[in-house]
Protein backbone atom coordinates (compact mmCIF):
# COMPACT_ATOMS: atom_id res chain seq x y z
CA MET A 1 75.49 18.65 37.23
CA THR A 2 76.28 19.73 39.75
CA ARG A 3 74.82 20.84 43.04
CA VAL A 4 74.59 24.26 44.50
CA ASN A 5 73.39 25.04 47.96
CA ILE A 6 70.93 27.95 48.29
CA PRO A 7 69.51 29.03 51.72
CA LYS A 8 66.12 28.06 52.11
CA GLN A 9 64.10 31.13 52.29
CA THR A 10 61.93 31.68 54.74
CA THR A 11 58.68 33.76 54.90
CA ASN A 12 56.03 34.26 57.54
CA THR A 13 53.14 34.25 54.44
CA LYS A 14 49.38 34.05 55.88
CA MET A 15 47.27 31.17 54.56
CA THR A 16 44.09 32.75 53.84
CA ILE A 17 40.61 31.06 52.71
CA GLU A 18 36.83 31.32 53.44
CA LYS A 19 34.88 31.44 56.31
CA GLU A 20 32.62 28.73 54.75
CA TYR A 21 35.25 27.15 53.80
CA ALA A 22 37.20 27.19 57.48
CA ILE A 23 33.24 26.63 58.40
CA ALA A 24 32.69 23.60 56.65
CA PHE A 25 36.09 21.96 57.95
CA LEU A 26 35.88 22.76 60.86
CA LYS A 27 32.20 20.26 60.51
CA ILE A 28 34.57 18.20 57.95
CA PHE A 29 36.87 17.41 61.86
CA ASP A 30 34.60 17.68 64.19
CA LYS A 31 32.68 14.70 62.02
CA ARG A 32 35.49 13.04 62.11
CA THR A 33 36.85 12.77 65.67
CA ASP A 34 33.31 11.47 66.55
CA ASP A 35 33.36 9.48 64.64
CA LEU A 36 36.86 8.54 65.81
CA MET A 37 36.32 8.36 68.91
CA ILE A 38 32.84 6.43 68.91
CA MET A 39 35.35 3.87 66.82
CA GLN A 40 37.56 3.70 69.95
CA GLU A 41 34.51 3.38 72.19
CA GLU A 42 33.91 0.24 70.69
CA MET A 43 37.15 -1.35 70.31
CA MET A 44 37.43 -0.93 73.55
CA LYS A 45 35.11 -2.86 73.89
CA LEU A 46 35.24 -5.42 71.90
CA GLN A 47 39.01 -5.32 73.73
CA GLN A 48 36.55 -6.48 76.51
CA GLU A 49 35.14 -9.03 75.42
CA LEU A 50 38.03 -10.82 73.89
CA PHE A 51 39.95 -10.53 77.62
CA HIS A 52 36.95 -12.27 79.57
CA GLU A 53 36.31 -14.90 76.56
CA LYS A 54 40.07 -15.65 76.83
CA TRP A 55 39.71 -15.96 80.44
CA LYS A 56 37.13 -18.38 80.19
CA PHE A 57 39.04 -20.60 78.32
CA ARG A 58 41.43 -20.43 80.12
CA HIS A 59 39.04 -21.14 83.63
CA VAL A 60 37.71 -24.08 81.72
CA SER A 61 40.61 -25.20 80.57
CA ARG A 62 42.34 -25.68 84.13
CA LEU A 63 38.39 -27.33 85.41
CA LEU A 64 39.26 -29.57 82.60
CA LYS A 65 42.52 -30.83 83.55
CA ALA A 66 41.46 -30.95 87.08
CA HIS A 67 38.98 -33.66 86.31
CA ALA A 68 40.36 -35.37 82.91
CA PRO A 69 44.11 -34.79 82.67
CA ASN A 70 44.16 -36.71 79.97
CA GLU A 71 41.97 -35.02 77.89
CA ALA A 72 43.16 -33.08 74.89
CA VAL A 73 42.34 -28.75 75.00
CA SER A 74 43.53 -27.53 72.87
CA GLU A 75 44.78 -29.15 69.07
CA GLU A 76 47.96 -29.23 70.28
CA GLU A 77 48.08 -31.60 72.63
CA LEU A 78 45.01 -33.86 70.64
CA ILE A 79 47.35 -33.77 67.15
CA GLN A 80 50.06 -35.41 69.77
CA THR A 81 47.89 -37.32 71.50
CA ILE A 82 46.31 -38.66 67.53
CA LYS A 83 50.35 -39.76 66.69
CA ASP A 84 50.38 -41.64 69.93
CA THR A 85 47.85 -43.06 69.71
CA ASP A 86 47.74 -44.00 66.17
CA ILE A 87 47.77 -48.17 65.15
CA THR A 88 48.61 -48.36 61.33
CA ASP A 89 47.93 -51.72 59.28
CA GLY A 90 51.54 -52.60 58.35
């Protein structure tokens, strides 16, 4: 089977739809756009809340390190502390 390159035929045809369908489409499009904007606003609020929660944790962990430098703040530090102080009956 051989392929033959055939040039594309381009025509300037208009797509016609009835007025009621166009209005219905625009209403749906408008509703979806409004929903998207609301979701984006909510996402920005959640991102802002997450940023502040992370900031509060960093602040409290720095205060804890300043007052009690030997205390474990993160899970990794806690695991390392447990490994360092693990006493086995062997």
